C-alpha atoms as a PDB file:
ATOM      1  CA  MET A   1       0.000   0.000   0.000  1.00  0.00           C
ATOM      2  CA  ILE A   2       1.073   3.592  -0.611  1.00  0.00           C
ATOM      3  CA  GLU A   3       2.539   5.339   2.424  1.00  0.00           C
ATOM      4  CA  PRO A   4       1.250   8.820   3.357  1.00  0.00           C
ATOM      5  CA  SER A   5       3.274  11.997   2.855  1.00  0.00           C
ATOM      6  CA  ASN A   6       2.570  15.659   3.493  1.00  0.00           C
ATOM      7  CA  HIS A   7       3.224  16.909  -0.033  1.00  0.00           C
ATOM      8  CA  ALA A   8       2.766  15.436  -3.486  1.00  0.00           C
ATOM      9  CA  LEU A   9       5.834  14.433  -5.477  1.00  0.00           C
ATOM     10  CA  PHE A  10       6.720  15.661  -8.943  1.00  0.00           C
ATOM     11  CA  LEU A  11       8.558  12.918 -10.832  1.00  0.00           C
ATOM     12  CA  ARG A  12      10.301  13.659 -14.106  1.00  0.00           C
ATOM     13  CA  GLU A  13      11.029  11.363 -17.044  1.00  0.00           C
ATOM     14  CA  ALA A  14      14.526  10.725 -15.682  1.00  0.00           C
ATOM     15  CA  ASP A  15      13.040   9.574 -12.380  1.00  0.00           C
ATOM     16  CA  VAL A  16      10.739   7.107 -14.114  1.00  0.00           C
ATOM     17  CA  ALA A  17      13.603   5.720 -16.183  1.00  0.00           C
ATOM     18  CA  ALA A  18      15.755   5.283 -13.067  1.00  0.00           C
ATOM     19  CA  LEU A  19      13.050   3.756 -10.878  1.00  0.00           C
ATOM     20  CA  LEU A  20      11.191   1.333 -13.169  1.00  0.00           C
ATOM     21  CA  THR A  21      12.375  -1.872 -14.821  1.00  0.00           C
ATOM     22  CA  MET A  22      10.463  -3.623 -17.568  1.00  0.00           C
ATOM     23  CA  GLY A  23      10.174  -6.753 -15.454  1.00  0.00           C
ATOM     24  CA  GLU A  24       8.468  -4.824 -12.695  1.00  0.00           C
ATOM     25  CA  ALA A  25       6.200  -3.055 -15.177  1.00  0.00           C
ATOM     26  CA  ILE A  26       5.060  -6.456 -16.498  1.00  0.00           C
ATOM     27  CA  GLU A  27       4.390  -7.650 -12.955  1.00  0.00           C
ATOM     28  CA  ALA A  28       2.357  -4.536 -12.111  1.00  0.00           C
ATOM     29  CA  VAL A  29       0.316  -4.630 -15.317  1.00  0.00           C
ATOM     30  CA  GLU A  30      -0.499  -8.332 -14.985  1.00  0.00           C
ATOM     31  CA  ALA A  31      -1.636  -7.831 -11.382  1.00  0.00           C
ATOM     32  CA  ALA A  32      -3.843  -4.937 -12.505  1.00  0.00           C
ATOM     33  CA  PHE A  33      -5.473  -7.000 -15.258  1.00  0.00           C
ATOM     34  CA  ARG A  34      -6.126  -9.826 -12.812  1.00  0.00           C
ATOM     35  CA  ALA A  35      -7.742  -7.325 -10.446  1.00  0.00           C
ATOM     36  CA  LEU A  36      -9.936  -6.123 -13.313  1.00  0.00           C
ATOM     37  CA  GLY A  37     -10.925  -9.693 -14.114  1.00  0.00           C
ATOM     38  CA  GLU A  38     -11.876 -10.334 -10.513  1.00  0.00           C
ATOM     39  CA  GLY A  39     -13.873  -7.113 -10.163  1.00  0.00           C
ATOM     40  CA  ARG A  40     -11.347  -5.513  -7.804  1.00  0.00           C
ATOM     41  CA  ALA A  41     -10.388  -2.605 -10.070  1.00  0.00           C
ATOM     42  CA  GLU A  42     -12.102  -0.128 -12.376  1.00  0.00           C
ATOM     43  CA  ASN A  43     -11.034   1.314 -15.717  1.00  0.00           C
ATOM     44  CA  ARG A  44     -12.678   4.066 -17.726  1.00  0.00           C
ATOM     45  CA  PRO A  45     -12.137   4.425 -21.494  1.00  0.00           C
ATOM     46  CA  ARG A  46     -10.235   7.317 -22.990  1.00  0.00           C
ATOM     47  CA  ALA A  47     -12.161  10.529 -23.662  1.00  0.00           C
ATOM     48  CA  ARG A  48     -10.970  13.019 -26.256  1.00  0.00           C
ATOM     49  CA  VAL A  49     -11.500  16.773 -26.593  1.00  0.00           C
ATOM     50  CA  HIS A  50     -10.724  18.226 -30.014  1.00  0.00           C
ATOM     51  CA  VAL A  51      -9.691  21.811 -30.720  1.00  0.00           C
ATOM     52  CA  PRO A  52      -8.496  23.176 -34.077  1.00  0.00           C
ATOM     53  CA  GLY A  53      -4.830  22.654 -33.215  1.00  0.00           C
ATOM     54  CA  GLY A  54      -4.883  19.304 -31.451  1.00  0.00           C
ATOM     55  CA  VAL A  55      -6.487  16.910 -28.986  1.00  0.00           C
ATOM     56  CA  LEU A  56      -6.673  16.452 -25.209  1.00  0.00           C
ATOM     57  CA  HIS A  57      -6.931  12.807 -24.116  1.00  0.00           C
ATOM     58  CA  VAL A  58      -8.027  11.840 -20.583  1.00  0.00           C
ATOM     59  CA  MET A  59      -8.314   8.332 -19.099  1.00  0.00           C
ATOM     60  CA  SER A  60      -8.808   7.185 -15.504  1.00  0.00           C
ATOM     61  CA  ALA A  61      -8.758   4.075 -13.324  1.00  0.00           C
ATOM     62  CA  GLY A  62      -8.829   2.855  -9.737  1.00  0.00           C
ATOM     63  CA  LEU A  63      -6.707   0.091  -8.222  1.00  0.00           C
ATOM     64  CA  PRO A  64      -7.686  -0.262  -4.546  1.00  0.00           C
ATOM     65  CA  GLN A  65      -5.356  -3.199  -3.936  1.00  0.00           C
ATOM     66  CA  ALA A  66      -2.432  -0.854  -4.595  1.00  0.00           C
ATOM     67  CA  GLY A  67      -4.091   1.955  -2.635  1.00  0.00           C
ATOM     68  CA  VAL A  68      -4.355   4.279  -5.622  1.00  0.00           C
ATOM     69  CA  LEU A  69      -6.564   5.777  -8.262  1.00  0.00           C
ATOM     70  CA  GLY A  70      -5.606   8.250 -10.918  1.00  0.00           C
ATOM     71  CA  LEU A  71      -5.715   9.561 -14.425  1.00  0.00           C
ATOM     72  CA  LYS A  72      -3.497  10.141 -17.385  1.00  0.00           C
ATOM     73  CA  ALA A  73      -3.958  13.310 -19.410  1.00  0.00           C
ATOM     74  CA  TYR A  74      -2.030  14.039 -22.565  1.00  0.00           C
ATOM     75  CA  THR A  75      -2.171  16.476 -25.447  1.00  0.00           C
ATOM     76  CA  GLY A  76      -1.330  15.827 -29.070  1.00  0.00           C
ATOM     77  CA  PHE A  77      -0.453  18.941 -31.095  1.00  0.00           C
ATOM     78  CA  ARG A  78       1.877  19.642 -34.003  1.00  0.00           C
ATOM     79  CA  SER A  79       4.517  20.703 -31.495  1.00  0.00           C
ATOM     80  CA  GLY A  80       4.443  17.249 -29.883  1.00  0.00           C
ATOM     81  CA  VAL A  81       2.713  14.999 -27.375  1.00  0.00           C
ATOM     82  CA  ARG A  82       2.883  15.694 -23.635  1.00  0.00           C
ATOM     83  CA  PHE A  83       1.919  13.093 -21.018  1.00  0.00           C
ATOM     84  CA  LEU A  84       1.136  13.458 -17.302  1.00  0.00           C
ATOM     85  CA  VAL A  85      -0.186  10.985 -14.742  1.00  0.00           C
ATOM     86  CA  LEU A  86      -1.905  12.241 -11.593  1.00  0.00           C
ATOM     87  CA  LEU A  87      -1.825   9.628  -8.842  1.00  0.00           C
ATOM     88  CA  TYR A  88      -4.166   9.868  -5.829  1.00  0.00           C
ATOM     89  CA  SER A  89      -4.607   7.954  -2.589  1.00  0.00           C
ATOM     90  CA  ALA A  90      -7.542   5.536  -2.707  1.00  0.00           C
ATOM     91  CA  GLU A  91      -7.865   5.938   1.073  1.00  0.00           C
ATOM     92  CA  ASP A  92      -8.399   9.681   1.448  1.00  0.00           C
ATOM     93  CA  GLY A  93      -8.145  11.195  -2.042  1.00  0.00           C
ATOM     94  CA  ARG A  94      -4.868  13.059  -1.475  1.00  0.00           C
ATOM     95  CA  LEU A  95      -2.784  13.871  -4.532  1.00  0.00           C
ATOM     96  CA  LEU A  96       0.295  11.666  -4.210  1.00  0.00           C
ATOM     97  CA  ALA A  97       2.243  12.446  -7.345  1.00  0.00           C
ATOM     98  CA  VAL A  98       2.362  14.229 -10.669  1.00  0.00           C
ATOM     99  CA  ILE A  99       4.446  12.116 -13.028  1.00  0.00           C
ATOM    100  CA  GLU A 100       5.796  12.900 -16.475  1.00  0.00           C
ATOM    101  CA  ALA A 101       4.567   9.868 -18.356  1.00  0.00           C
ATOM    102  CA  ASN A 102       6.127   9.426 -21.783  1.00  0.00           C
ATOM    103  CA  ARG A 103       8.600   6.763 -20.602  1.00  0.00           C
ATOM    104  CA  LEU A 104       5.970   5.338 -18.248  1.00  0.00           C
ATOM    105  CA  GLY A 105       3.506   4.976 -21.140  1.00  0.00           C
ATOM    106  CA  GLN A 106       6.112   3.319 -23.327  1.00  0.00           C
ATOM    107  CA  MET A 107       6.914   0.751 -20.667  1.00  0.00           C
ATOM    108  CA  ARG A 108       3.326  -0.026 -19.660  1.00  0.00           C
ATOM    109  CA  THR A 109       2.402  -0.582 -23.328  1.00  0.00           C
ATOM    110  CA  GLY A 110       5.280  -3.000 -23.728  1.00  0.00           C
ATOM    111  CA  ALA A 111       4.305  -4.664 -20.471  1.00  0.00           C
ATOM    112  CA  ALA A 112       0.702  -5.194 -21.621  1.00  0.00           C
ATOM    113  CA  SER A 113       1.942  -6.938 -24.762  1.00  0.00           C
ATOM    114  CA  ALA A 114       4.200  -9.121 -22.629  1.00  0.00           C
ATOM    115  CA  VAL A 115       1.264 -10.123 -20.423  1.00  0.00           C
ATOM    116  CA  ALA A 116      -0.815 -10.986 -23.497  1.00  0.00           C
ATOM    117  CA  THR A 117       2.092 -12.863 -25.078  1.00  0.00           C
ATOM    118  CA  ARG A 118       2.552 -14.959 -21.955  1.00  0.00           C
ATOM    119  CA  ALA A 119      -1.161 -15.797 -21.985  1.00  0.00           C
ATOM    120  CA  LEU A 120      -1.606 -16.421 -25.720  1.00  0.00           C
ATOM    121  CA  ALA A 121       1.650 -17.209 -27.531  1.00  0.00           C
ATOM    122  CA  ARG A 122       3.078 -20.713 -27.814  1.00  0.00           C
ATOM    123  CA  ALA A 123       5.444 -21.536 -24.963  1.00  0.00           C
ATOM    124  CA  ASP A 124       8.221 -22.378 -27.452  1.00  0.00           C
ATOM    125  CA  ALA A 125       7.859 -19.174 -29.503  1.00  0.00           C
ATOM    126  CA  HIS A 126      11.388 -17.996 -30.234  1.00  0.00           C
ATOM    127  CA  THR A 127      11.271 -15.629 -33.224  1.00  0.00           C
ATOM    128  CA  ILE A 128       9.723 -12.156 -33.494  1.00  0.00           C
ATOM    129  CA  GLY A 129       8.649 -10.258 -36.584  1.00  0.00           C
ATOM    130  CA  LEU A 130       8.377  -6.561 -35.712  1.00  0.00           C
ATOM    131  CA  ILE A 131       6.986  -3.828 -37.939  1.00  0.00           C
ATOM    132  CA  GLY A 132       7.961  -0.381 -36.706  1.00  0.00           C
ATOM    133  CA  THR A 133      11.136   1.056 -35.214  1.00  0.00           C
ATOM    134  CA  GLY A 134       9.851   3.935 -33.128  1.00  0.00           C
ATOM    135  CA  TRP A 135       9.695   4.664 -29.401  1.00  0.00           C
ATOM    136  CA  GLN A 136       7.037   2.041 -28.698  1.00  0.00           C
ATOM    137  CA  ALA A 137       8.737  -0.636 -30.816  1.00  0.00           C
ATOM    138  CA  GLN A 138      11.764  -0.602 -28.512  1.00  0.00           C
ATOM    139  CA  ALA A 139       9.693  -1.472 -25.445  1.00  0.00           C
ATOM    140  CA  GLN A 140       7.654  -4.045 -27.347  1.00  0.00           C
ATOM    141  CA  LEU A 141      10.740  -5.997 -28.296  1.00  0.00           C
ATOM    142  CA  GLU A 142      12.306  -5.726 -24.835  1.00  0.00           C
ATOM    143  CA  ALA A 143       9.123  -6.828 -23.069  1.00  0.00           C
ATOM    144  CA  VAL A 144       8.352  -9.837 -25.267  1.00  0.00           C
ATOM    145  CA  CYS A 145      11.935 -11.057 -24.859  1.00  0.00           C
ATOM    146  CA  LEU A 146      11.332 -11.240 -21.098  1.00  0.00           C
ATOM    147  CA  VAL A 147       8.408 -13.677 -21.383  1.00  0.00           C
ATOM    148  CA  ARG A 148       9.435 -15.948 -24.262  1.00  0.00           C
ATOM    149  CA  PRO A 149      12.801 -17.553 -25.178  1.00  0.00           C
ATOM    150  CA  ILE A 150      13.430 -15.252 -28.124  1.00  0.00           C
ATOM    151  CA  GLN A 151      16.463 -16.112 -30.247  1.00  0.00           C
ATOM    152  CA  THR A 152      15.982 -13.839 -33.272  1.00  0.00           C
ATOM    153  CA  ALA A 153      14.026 -10.706 -34.175  1.00  0.00           C
ATOM    154  CA  ARG A 154      13.348  -9.553 -37.734  1.00  0.00           C
ATOM    155  CA  VAL A 155      12.388  -5.898 -38.028  1.00  0.00           C
ATOM    156  CA  TYR A 156      10.998  -3.801 -40.854  1.00  0.00           C
ATOM    157  CA  SER A 157      10.677  -0.061 -41.323  1.00  0.00           C
ATOM    158  CA  PRO A 158      10.170   1.786 -44.610  1.00  0.00           C
ATOM    159  CA  THR A 159      12.807   4.313 -43.481  1.00  0.00           C
ATOM    160  CA  PRO A 160      16.263   2.701 -43.911  1.00  0.00           C
ATOM    161  CA  SER A 161      18.076   5.031 -41.497  1.00  0.00           C
ATOM    162  CA  HIS A 162      15.548   4.345 -38.729  1.00  0.00           C
ATOM    163  CA  LEU A 163      15.750   0.620 -39.388  1.00  0.00           C
ATOM    164  CA  GLN A 164      19.526   0.450 -39.205  1.00  0.00           C
ATOM    165  CA  ALA A 165      19.701   2.555 -36.043  1.00  0.00           C
ATOM    166  CA  PHE A 166      17.077   0.354 -34.368  1.00  0.00           C
ATOM    167  CA  VAL A 167      18.775  -2.896 -35.379  1.00  0.00           C
ATOM    168  CA  THR A 168      22.131  -1.706 -34.054  1.00  0.00           C
ATOM    169  CA  ALA A 169      20.804  -0.342 -30.765  1.00  0.00           C
ATOM    170  CA  MET A 170      18.482  -3.229 -29.909  1.00  0.00           C
ATOM    171  CA  SER A 171      20.988  -5.933 -30.857  1.00  0.00           C
ATOM    172  CA  GLU A 172      23.398  -4.391 -28.382  1.00  0.00           C
ATOM    173  CA  LYS A 173      20.774  -3.847 -25.687  1.00  0.00           C
ATOM    174  CA  LEU A 174      19.211  -7.317 -25.849  1.00  0.00           C
ATOM    175  CA  GLY A 175      22.269  -9.355 -26.785  1.00  0.00           C
ATOM    176  CA  LEU A 176      20.514 -11.272 -29.556  1.00  0.00           C
ATOM    177  CA  PRO A 177      20.351 -11.025 -33.357  1.00  0.00           C
ATOM    178  CA  VAL A 178      18.026  -8.199 -34.409  1.00  0.00           C
ATOM    179  CA  ILE A 179      17.971  -8.350 -38.186  1.00  0.00           C
ATOM    180  CA  ALA A 180      16.723  -5.859 -40.767  1.00  0.00           C
ATOM    181  CA  ALA A 181      13.978  -7.380 -42.937  1.00  0.00           C
ATOM    182  CA  ALA A 182      13.634  -6.378 -46.575  1.00  0.00           C
ATOM    183  CA  SER A 183       9.849  -5.975 -46.315  1.00  0.00           C
ATOM    184  CA  ALA A 184       6.957  -6.207 -43.903  1.00  0.00           C
ATOM    185  CA  GLU A 185       6.104  -9.585 -45.383  1.00  0.00           C
ATOM    186  CA  ALA A 186       9.635 -10.848 -44.799  1.00  0.00           C
ATOM    187  CA  ALA A 187       9.413  -9.795 -41.155  1.00  0.00           C
ATOM    188  CA  VAL A 188       6.039 -11.478 -40.617  1.00  0.00           C
ATOM    189  CA  ARG A 189       6.304 -14.783 -42.472  1.00  0.00           C
ATOM    190  CA  ASP A 190       7.464 -17.656 -40.255  1.00  0.00           C
ATOM    191  CA  ALA A 191       7.754 -15.457 -37.142  1.00  0.00           C
ATOM    192  CA  ASP A 192       6.310 -17.064 -34.014  1.00  0.00           C
ATOM    193  CA  ILE A 193       5.295 -13.694 -32.593  1.00  0.00           C
ATOM    194  CA  VAL A 194       4.343 -10.718 -34.762  1.00  0.00           C
ATOM    195  CA  VAL A 195       4.254  -7.162 -33.397  1.00  0.00           C
ATOM    196  CA  THR A 196       2.924  -4.083 -35.176  1.00  0.00           C
ATOM    197  CA  ALA A 197       4.017  -0.791 -33.611  1.00  0.00           C
ATOM    198  CA  THR A 198       3.330   1.760 -36.327  1.00  0.00           C
ATOM    199  CA  SER A 199       1.483   5.001 -36.934  1.00  0.00           C
ATOM    200  CA  ALA A 200      -0.038   3.625 -40.138  1.00  0.00           C
ATOM    201  CA  ARG A 201      -3.548   4.509 -41.192  1.00  0.00           C
ATOM    202  CA  ASP A 202      -3.865   1.540 -43.566  1.00  0.00           C
ATOM    203  CA  PRO A 203      -2.974  -2.125 -42.942  1.00  0.00           C
ATOM    204  CA  VAL A 204       0.686  -3.101 -42.779  1.00  0.00           C
ATOM    205  CA  ILE A 205      -0.103  -6.837 -42.425  1.00  0.00           C
ATOM    206  CA  GLN A 206      -1.917  -8.892 -45.029  1.00  0.00           C
ATOM    207  CA  GLY A 207      -3.769 -12.023 -43.990  1.00  0.00           C
ATOM    208  CA  GLU A 208      -2.100 -14.172 -46.615  1.00  0.00           C
ATOM    209  CA  TRP A 209       1.249 -13.709 -44.832  1.00  0.00           C
ATOM    210  CA  LEU A 210       0.112 -15.341 -41.592  1.00  0.00           C
ATOM    211  CA  GLN A 211       1.070 -18.875 -40.595  1.00  0.00           C
ATOM    212  CA  PRO A 212      -0.584 -21.343 -38.168  1.00  0.00           C
ATOM    213  CA  GLY A 213       0.660 -20.983 -34.621  1.00  0.00           C
ATOM    214  CA  GLN A 214       1.517 -17.292 -34.745  1.00  0.00           C
ATOM    215  CA  HIS A 215       0.632 -14.767 -32.061  1.00  0.00           C
ATOM    216  CA  ILE A 216       0.090 -11.099 -32.994  1.00  0.00           C
ATOM    217  CA  ASN A 217       0.353  -8.029 -30.788  1.00  0.00           C
ATOM    218  CA  ALA A 218      -1.206  -5.083 -32.660  1.00  0.00           C
ATOM    219  CA  ILE A 219      -0.417  -1.963 -30.632  1.00  0.00           C
ATOM    220  CA  GLY A 220      -0.014   0.947 -33.022  1.00  0.00           C
ATOM    221  CA  SER A 221      -3.549   2.233 -33.547  1.00  0.00           C
ATOM    222  CA  ASN A 222      -6.142   3.434 -31.049  1.00  0.00           C
ATOM    223  CA  GLN A 223      -8.398   5.256 -33.478  1.00  0.00           C
ATOM    224  CA  ALA A 224     -11.433   3.857 -35.285  1.00  0.00           C
ATOM    225  CA  ALA A 225     -10.241   5.107 -38.674  1.00  0.00           C
ATOM    226  CA  ARG A 226      -6.803   3.458 -38.451  1.00  0.00           C
ATOM    227  CA  ARG A 227      -5.755  -0.175 -38.584  1.00  0.00           C
ATOM    228  CA  GLU A 228      -2.592  -2.235 -38.962  1.00  0.00           C
ATOM    229  CA  LEU A 229      -4.205  -5.573 -39.970  1.00  0.00           C
ATOM    230  CA  ASP A 230      -6.390  -6.094 -43.002  1.00  0.00           C
ATOM    231  CA  THR A 231      -9.724  -7.896 -42.680  1.00  0.00           C
ATOM    232  CA  VAL A 232      -8.328 -11.207 -43.912  1.00  0.00           C
ATOM    233  CA  ALA A 233      -5.648 -11.129 -41.211  1.00  0.00           C
ATOM    234  CA  VAL A 234      -8.207 -10.533 -38.478  1.00  0.00           C
ATOM    235  CA  MET A 235     -10.501 -13.252 -39.820  1.00  0.00           C
ATOM    236  CA  ARG A 236      -7.660 -15.775 -39.857  1.00  0.00           C
ATOM    237  CA  CYS A 237      -7.227 -15.376 -36.095  1.00  0.00           C
ATOM    238  CA  ASN A 238      -8.772 -18.160 -34.015  1.00  0.00           C
ATOM    239  CA  ARG A 239      -8.637 -16.055 -30.839  1.00  0.00           C
ATOM    240  CA  ILE A 240      -9.102 -12.301 -30.646  1.00  0.00           C
ATOM    241  CA  VAL A 241      -8.407 -10.597 -27.331  1.00  0.00           C
ATOM    242  CA  VAL A 242      -8.500  -6.896 -26.446  1.00  0.00           C
ATOM    243  CA  ASP A 243      -7.400  -5.035 -23.348  1.00  0.00           C
ATOM    244  CA  ASP A 244     -10.876  -3.535 -22.853  1.00  0.00           C
ATOM    245  CA  ALA A 245     -14.057  -4.322 -24.792  1.00  0.00           C
ATOM    246  CA  GLU A 246     -15.744  -0.983 -24.130  1.00  0.00           C
ATOM    247  CA  GLN A 247     -12.738   0.954 -25.363  1.00  0.00           C
ATOM    248  CA  ALA A 248     -12.322  -1.405 -28.329  1.00  0.00           C
ATOM    249  CA  ARG A 249     -15.815  -0.589 -29.589  1.00  0.00           C
ATOM    250  CA  ILE A 250     -14.739   3.048 -29.778  1.00  0.00           C
ATOM    251  CA  GLU A 251     -11.107   2.824 -30.891  1.00  0.00           C
ATOM    252  CA  ALA A 252     -10.110  -0.583 -32.316  1.00  0.00           C
ATOM    253  CA  GLY A 253     -10.078   0.164 -36.030  1.00  0.00           C
ATOM    254  CA  ASP A 254      -8.507  -3.250 -36.704  1.00  0.00           C
ATOM    255  CA  LEU A 255     -11.740  -4.845 -35.433  1.00  0.00           C
ATOM    256  CA  ILE A 256     -14.279  -2.132 -36.255  1.00  0.00           C
ATOM    257  CA  ALA A 257     -13.541  -2.449 -39.983  1.00  0.00           C
ATOM    258  CA  PRO A 258     -14.318  -6.192 -40.321  1.00  0.00           C
ATOM    259  CA  ILE A 259     -17.304  -5.819 -37.996  1.00  0.00           C
ATOM    260  CA  THR A 260     -18.656  -3.000 -40.167  1.00  0.00           C
ATOM    261  CA  GLU A 261     -18.125  -5.239 -43.190  1.00  0.00           C
ATOM    262  CA  GLY A 262     -20.219  -7.958 -41.530  1.00  0.00           C
ATOM    263  CA  ARG A 263     -17.276 -10.371 -41.334  1.00  0.00           C
ATOM    264  CA  LEU A 264     -16.799 -10.338 -37.553  1.00  0.00           C
ATOM    265  CA  SER A 265     -18.920  -9.824 -34.429  1.00  0.00           C
ATOM    266  CA  TRP A 266     -18.011  -8.492 -30.996  1.00  0.00           C
ATOM    267  CA  GLU A 267     -19.123 -11.839 -29.541  1.00  0.00           C
ATOM    268  CA  ARG A 268     -15.873 -13.322 -30.885  1.00  0.00           C
ATOM    269  CA  VAL A 269     -13.781 -10.800 -28.953  1.00  0.00           C
ATOM    270  CA  ASP A 270     -12.670 -11.459 -25.358  1.00  0.00           C
ATOM    271  CA  GLU A 271     -10.846  -9.327 -22.803  1.00  0.00           C
ATOM    272  CA  LEU A 272      -7.345 -10.023 -21.552  1.00  0.00           C
ATOM    273  CA  ALA A 273      -8.506  -9.780 -17.936  1.00  0.00           C
ATOM    274  CA  ALA A 274     -11.012 -12.587 -18.515  1.00  0.00           C
ATOM    275  CA  VAL A 275      -8.336 -14.774 -20.098  1.00  0.00           C
ATOM    276  CA  LEU A 276      -6.010 -14.250 -17.132  1.00  0.00           C
ATOM    277  CA  VAL A 277      -8.634 -15.288 -14.587  1.00  0.00           C
ATOM    278  CA  SER A 278      -9.795 -18.194 -16.813  1.00  0.00           C
ATOM    279  CA  ARG A 279     -13.232 -16.850 -17.660  1.00  0.00           C
ATOM    280  CA  ALA A 280     -12.322 -16.982 -21.361  1.00  0.00           C
ATOM    281  CA  PRO A 281     -10.102 -19.479 -23.196  1.00  0.00           C
ATOM    282  CA  GLY A 282      -6.598 -18.582 -24.314  1.00  0.00           C
ATOM    283  CA  ARG A 283      -4.812 -20.601 -26.972  1.00  0.00           C
ATOM    284  CA  ALA A 284      -6.679 -23.841 -27.732  1.00  0.00           C
ATOM    285  CA  GLY A 285      -3.858 -25.479 -29.683  1.00  0.00           C
ATOM    286  CA  ASP A 286      -0.426 -24.898 -31.168  1.00  0.00           C
ATOM    287  CA  ALA A 287      -1.878 -24.256 -34.640  1.00  0.00           C
ATOM    288  CA  ASP A 288      -4.118 -21.385 -33.496  1.00  0.00           C
ATOM    289  CA  ILE A 289      -3.404 -17.863 -34.670  1.00  0.00           C
ATOM    290  CA  THR A 290      -4.009 -15.501 -31.753  1.00  0.00           C
ATOM    291  CA  LEU A 291      -4.396 -11.725 -31.737  1.00  0.00           C
ATOM    292  CA  PHE A 292      -4.022  -9.220 -28.927  1.00  0.00           C
ATOM    293  CA  LYS A 293      -5.360  -5.816 -29.921  1.00  0.00           C
ATOM    294  CA  SER A 294      -3.863  -3.311 -27.490  1.00  0.00           C
ATOM    295  CA  LEU A 295      -5.374   0.141 -27.093  1.00  0.00           C
ATOM    296  CA  GLY A 296      -3.687   1.233 -23.868  1.00  0.00           C
ATOM    297  CA  LEU A 297      -5.633   1.459 -20.605  1.00  0.00           C
ATOM    298  CA  ALA A 298      -5.528   3.857 -17.699  1.00  0.00           C
ATOM    299  CA  ILE A 299      -5.332   0.914 -15.283  1.00  0.00           C
ATOM    300  CA  GLU A 300      -1.924   0.105 -16.783  1.00  0.00           C
ATOM    301  CA  ASP A 301      -0.713   3.672 -16.203  1.00  0.00           C
ATOM    302  CA  VAL A 302      -2.043   3.750 -12.636  1.00  0.00           C
ATOM    303  CA  ALA A 303      -0.551   0.367 -11.734  1.00  0.00           C
ATOM    304  CA  VAL A 304       2.895   1.267 -13.034  1.00  0.00           C
ATOM    305  CA  ALA A 305       2.742   4.785 -11.595  1.00  0.00           C
ATOM    306  CA  ALA A 306       2.058   3.298  -8.164  1.00  0.00           C
ATOM    307  CA  ARG A 307       5.277   1.264  -8.408  1.00  0.00           C
ATOM    308  CA  VAL A 308       7.255   4.311  -9.519  1.00  0.00           C
ATOM    309  CA  TYR A 309       5.862   6.412  -6.667  1.00  0.00           C
ATOM    310  CA  ALA A 310       6.608   3.773  -4.032  1.00  0.00           C
ATOM    311  CA  HIS A 311      10.220   3.505  -5.238  1.00  0.00           C
ATOM    312  CA  ALA A 312      10.550   7.303  -5.304  1.00  0.00           C
ATOM    313  CA  LEU A 313       9.484   7.486  -1.656  1.00  0.00           C
ATOM    314  CA  ALA A 314      11.877   4.732  -0.665  1.00  0.00           C
ATOM    315  CA  GLN A 315      14.828   6.269  -2.535  1.00  0.00           C
ATOM    316  CA  GLY A 316      14.110   9.930  -1.841  1.00  0.00           C
ATOM    317  CA  ARG A 317      13.688  10.870  -5.490  1.00  0.00           C
ATOM    318  CA  GLY A 318      11.454  13.569  -6.918  1.00  0.00           C
ATOM    319  CA  GLU A 319      10.555  17.140  -6.053  1.00  0.00           C
ATOM    320  CA  ARG A 320       8.062  18.042  -3.328  1.00  0.00           C
ATOM    321  CA  LEU A 321       5.167  20.124  -4.598  1.00  0.00           C
ATOM    322  CA  PRO A 322       3.732  22.903  -2.383  1.00  0.00           C
ATOM    323  CA  PHE A 323       0.360  21.158  -2.003  1.00  0.00           C
END
């Protein structure tokens, strides 16, 4: 449980990076999803406010078992995206911390994919096909490598300079072969685990590329008009799991498109929390193709922020705010 203090902490990006490991982020996110599945936590979908120059996004959740509730607010404008998490005590409502949350969001998104991979991917999965080389792609690769015995990663980006920089950096960081793929198809075919971490509006994966036994983490899009998988790819999946069904109906363009086309129904879609507490099946057999559509939940941010705050208290990090 969170210990009381007289003043809220302000934690910067450097504090988050110093205080949080990916392994601990995975642990916190899995515990939060289990709490959701058992009715011991609450998550509210993202709300968006549009102005001519950009968007304000707000999402909130409560995790009583960790003694916290909170929200993430972030703005997306041409000048950039700015993330903050406000963490409150679930006991008396005090503001505990204001946390810069770009690094935190990167790590919790990777952690959610790791939790889904552990629940849905084959136990012997050892190759990754990754599309995307941005900020989120780094955490996706790191997190999946912690939950499966990955031996090789094949990565594709349409920007050669980004691809080479990513391959060099992640090979060194992870100590395994991270190889540049010549195309998205080359990255996907024969990979045990496929990850899409792009900003694409149109599909970057075609259904004909998929092979029996693959697991897919689709994390790039959280807007109804965007998708990374075409309809054939979605329809080839034996199991489709989302982080939150209510949010998916609003934001999961990968699923909204085939549902609008009459090819899929929401009844075929389960939540990760239900899979973790065994209310919904995971992988039925080694030949299944499984899909985790990640949108990013506030409960993930709150769970990870609670860990960061507890470590900050213990280590004396952060700046005291005058309230």
